[in-house]
Amino acid sequence: MSSSNPKSDKRFVYQEFGNGISPALERALEWGIQDLPPNHQNVRVQATRAGRKGKTVTIITGFQTKPENLAALLKQLKTQCSTGGTVKENEIEIQGDHKQKVLEILIKLGYKAKISGG
């Protein structure tokens, strides 16, 4: 038997939260996501409360761009809607029901955006 200290061992047997890279960035690197210009992306905007304890969020899906571009777009949308938001799995979530405002902003930026859902 060796008397090695388990804390000094650098091997990972199990790591719950990945390797420090965000899952979206990891998938982008893995799949080689193309960075299409806005006028070639079909984006959908919808408001939903599902799974959020009754809180409404506006979800924007259908992006085919790099995570860095999504982060920049998120910042612009949060500023213009005066609210919070996040990027999750290549989707943007904006707190509150801002479907119309987000749709107008995306169209001005050149995206082919539509409202989906009710």
C-alpha atoms as a PDB file:
ATOM      1  CA  MET A   1       0.000   0.000   0.000  1.00  0.00           C
ATOM      2  CA  SER A   2       1.197   3.461  -0.772  1.00  0.00           C
ATOM      3  CA  SER A   3       0.996   6.201   1.787  1.00  0.00           C
ATOM      4  CA  SER A   4       0.086   8.962  -0.671  1.00  0.00           C
ATOM      5  CA  ASN A   5      -1.972  11.855   0.536  1.00  0.00           C
ATOM      6  CA  PRO A   6      -5.358  11.957  -1.262  1.00  0.00           C
ATOM      7  CA  LYS A   7      -5.363  15.780  -1.224  1.00  0.00           C
ATOM      8  CA  SER A   8      -2.133  15.923  -3.211  1.00  0.00           C
ATOM      9  CA  ASP A   9      -3.443  13.563  -5.883  1.00  0.00           C
ATOM     10  CA  LYS A  10      -4.374  15.620  -8.989  1.00  0.00           C
ATOM     11  CA  ARG A  11      -6.566  12.987 -10.646  1.00  0.00           C
ATOM     12  CA  PHE A  12     -10.325  13.508 -10.698  1.00  0.00           C
ATOM     13  CA  VAL A  13     -12.546  10.566  -9.925  1.00  0.00           C
ATOM     14  CA  TYR A  14     -15.740  12.600 -10.117  1.00  0.00           C
ATOM     15  CA  GLN A  15     -16.391  16.252 -10.901  1.00  0.00           C
ATOM     16  CA  GLU A  16     -19.957  17.445 -10.586  1.00  0.00           C
ATOM     17  CA  PHE A  17     -19.845  20.753 -12.431  1.00  0.00           C
ATOM     18  CA  GLY A  18     -17.617  20.137 -15.422  1.00  0.00           C
ATOM     19  CA  ASN A  19     -14.208  21.562 -16.094  1.00  0.00           C
ATOM     20  CA  GLY A  20     -14.855  25.243 -15.440  1.00  0.00           C
ATOM     21  CA  ILE A  21     -16.102  26.009 -18.965  1.00  0.00           C
ATOM     22  CA  SER A  22     -19.742  27.030 -19.277  1.00  0.00           C
ATOM     23  CA  PRO A  23     -21.931  24.322 -20.858  1.00  0.00           C
ATOM     24  CA  ALA A  24     -23.003  26.669 -23.676  1.00  0.00           C
ATOM     25  CA  LEU A  25     -19.410  27.507 -24.560  1.00  0.00           C
ATOM     26  CA  GLU A  26     -18.441  23.836 -24.346  1.00  0.00           C
ATOM     27  CA  ARG A  27     -21.235  22.874 -26.769  1.00  0.00           C
ATOM     28  CA  ALA A  28     -20.276  25.719 -29.112  1.00  0.00           C
ATOM     29  CA  LEU A  29     -16.702  24.500 -29.220  1.00  0.00           C
ATOM     30  CA  GLU A  30     -17.830  20.894 -29.579  1.00  0.00           C
ATOM     31  CA  TRP A  31     -20.361  21.478 -32.362  1.00  0.00           C
ATOM     32  CA  GLY A  32     -18.537  24.307 -34.100  1.00  0.00           C
ATOM     33  CA  ILE A  33     -21.518  26.656 -34.058  1.00  0.00           C
ATOM     34  CA  GLN A  34     -21.537  28.942 -37.063  1.00  0.00           C
ATOM     35  CA  ASP A  35     -21.630  32.657 -36.466  1.00  0.00           C
ATOM     36  CA  LEU A  36     -24.387  33.638 -38.885  1.00  0.00           C
ATOM     37  CA  PRO A  37     -25.236  37.292 -39.525  1.00  0.00           C
ATOM     38  CA  PRO A  38     -28.485  38.519 -37.919  1.00  0.00           C
ATOM     39  CA  ASN A  39     -30.446  38.613 -41.191  1.00  0.00           C
ATOM     40  CA  HIS A  40     -29.893  34.836 -41.636  1.00  0.00           C
ATOM     41  CA  GLN A  41     -31.189  33.873 -38.188  1.00  0.00           C
ATOM     42  CA  ASN A  42     -34.828  33.017 -37.504  1.00  0.00           C
ATOM     43  CA  VAL A  43     -35.410  34.094 -33.920  1.00  0.00           C
ATOM     44  CA  ARG A  44     -38.538  33.418 -31.834  1.00  0.00           C
ATOM     45  CA  VAL A  45     -39.690  35.563 -28.921  1.00  0.00           C
ATOM     46  CA  GLN A  46     -42.157  34.250 -26.342  1.00  0.00           C
ATOM     47  CA  ALA A  47     -43.254  34.984 -22.789  1.00  0.00           C
ATOM     48  CA  THR A  48     -43.680  32.095 -20.394  1.00  0.00           C
ATOM     49  CA  ARG A  49     -44.198  31.340 -16.707  1.00  0.00           C
ATOM     50  CA  ALA A  50     -43.615  27.591 -16.866  1.00  0.00           C
ATOM     51  CA  GLY A  51     -41.370  26.340 -14.075  1.00  0.00           C
ATOM     52  CA  ARG A  52     -40.658  29.786 -12.666  1.00  0.00           C
ATOM     53  CA  LYS A  53     -43.077  29.969  -9.704  1.00  0.00           C
ATOM     54  CA  GLY A  54     -45.443  32.312 -11.539  1.00  0.00           C
ATOM     55  CA  LYS A  55     -42.783  34.794 -12.643  1.00  0.00           C
ATOM     56  CA  THR A  56     -42.998  35.801 -16.295  1.00  0.00           C
ATOM     57  CA  VAL A  57     -39.871  35.743 -18.439  1.00  0.00           C
ATOM     58  CA  THR A  58     -39.367  36.569 -22.101  1.00  0.00           C
ATOM     59  CA  ILE A  59     -37.396  33.843 -23.900  1.00  0.00           C
ATOM     60  CA  ILE A  60     -35.608  34.443 -27.191  1.00  0.00           C
ATOM     61  CA  THR A  61     -34.602  31.263 -29.064  1.00  0.00           C
ATOM     62  CA  GLY A  62     -33.160  30.292 -32.434  1.00  0.00           C
ATOM     63  CA  PHE A  63     -29.765  31.975 -32.259  1.00  0.00           C
ATOM     64  CA  GLN A  64     -26.955  30.579 -34.371  1.00  0.00           C
ATOM     65  CA  THR A  65     -24.080  32.615 -33.034  1.00  0.00           C
ATOM     66  CA  LYS A  66     -21.206  32.433 -30.603  1.00  0.00           C
ATOM     67  CA  PRO A  67     -21.785  32.823 -26.846  1.00  0.00           C
ATOM     68  CA  GLU A  68     -19.771  36.075 -26.802  1.00  0.00           C
ATOM     69  CA  ASN A  69     -22.231  37.647 -29.270  1.00  0.00           C
ATOM     70  CA  LEU A  70     -25.181  36.446 -27.185  1.00  0.00           C
ATOM     71  CA  ALA A  71     -23.661  38.048 -24.091  1.00  0.00           C
ATOM     72  CA  ALA A  72     -23.302  41.372 -25.907  1.00  0.00           C
ATOM     73  CA  LEU A  73     -26.887  41.180 -27.203  1.00  0.00           C
ATOM     74  CA  LEU A  74     -28.118  40.255 -23.714  1.00  0.00           C
ATOM     75  CA  LYS A  75     -26.465  43.334 -22.247  1.00  0.00           C
ATOM     76  CA  GLN A  76     -28.115  45.562 -24.850  1.00  0.00           C
ATOM     77  CA  LEU A  77     -31.559  44.009 -24.286  1.00  0.00           C
ATOM     78  CA  LYS A  78     -31.265  44.259 -20.490  1.00  0.00           C
ATOM     79  CA  THR A  79     -30.302  47.923 -20.770  1.00  0.00           C
ATOM     80  CA  GLN A  80     -33.143  48.827 -23.144  1.00  0.00           C
ATOM     81  CA  CYS A  81     -35.749  46.835 -21.181  1.00  0.00           C
ATOM     82  CA  SER A  82     -34.419  48.070 -17.800  1.00  0.00           C
ATOM     83  CA  THR A  83     -34.484  44.598 -16.331  1.00  0.00           C
ATOM     84  CA  GLY A  84     -32.348  41.544 -15.622  1.00  0.00           C
ATOM     85  CA  GLY A  85     -31.681  38.532 -17.765  1.00  0.00           C
ATOM     86  CA  THR A  86     -29.360  35.655 -18.579  1.00  0.00           C
ATOM     87  CA  VAL A  87     -28.127  33.353 -21.330  1.00  0.00           C
ATOM     88  CA  LYS A  88     -29.046  29.695 -20.860  1.00  0.00           C
ATOM     89  CA  GLU A  89     -28.269  26.988 -23.415  1.00  0.00           C
ATOM     90  CA  ASN A  90     -28.053  29.343 -26.413  1.00  0.00           C
ATOM     91  CA  GLU A  91     -31.272  31.140 -25.390  1.00  0.00           C
ATOM     92  CA  ILE A  92     -31.698  34.572 -23.870  1.00  0.00           C
ATOM     93  CA  GLU A  93     -34.074  35.016 -20.925  1.00  0.00           C
ATOM     94  CA  ILE A  94     -35.248  38.516 -19.991  1.00  0.00           C
ATOM     95  CA  GLN A  95     -37.153  39.026 -16.736  1.00  0.00           C
ATOM     96  CA  GLY A  96     -40.730  40.180 -17.263  1.00  0.00           C
ATOM     97  CA  ASP A  97     -43.076  40.267 -20.256  1.00  0.00           C
ATOM     98  CA  HIS A  98     -41.206  42.353 -22.845  1.00  0.00           C
ATOM     99  CA  LYS A  99     -42.228  40.544 -26.049  1.00  0.00           C
ATOM    100  CA  GLN A 100     -43.086  43.627 -28.105  1.00  0.00           C
ATOM    101  CA  LYS A 101     -40.121  45.693 -26.966  1.00  0.00           C
ATOM    102  CA  VAL A 102     -37.641  42.836 -27.560  1.00  0.00           C
ATOM    103  CA  LEU A 103     -39.205  42.128 -30.973  1.00  0.00           C
ATOM    104  CA  GLU A 104     -38.771  45.771 -32.034  1.00  0.00           C
ATOM    105  CA  ILE A 105     -35.148  45.851 -30.829  1.00  0.00           C
ATOM    106  CA  LEU A 106     -34.257  42.605 -32.633  1.00  0.00           C
ATOM    107  CA  ILE A 107     -35.860  43.759 -35.891  1.00  0.00           C
ATOM    108  CA  LYS A 108     -33.921  47.047 -35.702  1.00  0.00           C
ATOM    109  CA  LEU A 109     -30.720  45.005 -35.256  1.00  0.00           C
ATOM    110  CA  GLY A 110     -31.529  43.051 -38.432  1.00  0.00           C
ATOM    111  CA  TYR A 111     -32.807  39.755 -36.994  1.00  0.00           C
ATOM    112  CA  LYS A 112     -35.738  37.951 -38.585  1.00  0.00           C
ATOM    113  CA  ALA A 113     -37.774  37.793 -35.388  1.00  0.00           C
ATOM    114  CA  LYS A 114     -41.336  36.648 -34.723  1.00  0.00           C
ATOM    115  CA  ILE A 115     -43.484  36.269 -31.629  1.00  0.00           C
ATOM    116  CA  SER A 116     -44.371  32.660 -30.916  1.00  0.00           C
ATOM    117  CA  GLY A 117     -46.850  31.238 -28.460  1.00  0.00           C
ATOM    118  CA  GLY A 118     -49.923  32.923 -27.058  1.00  0.00           C
END
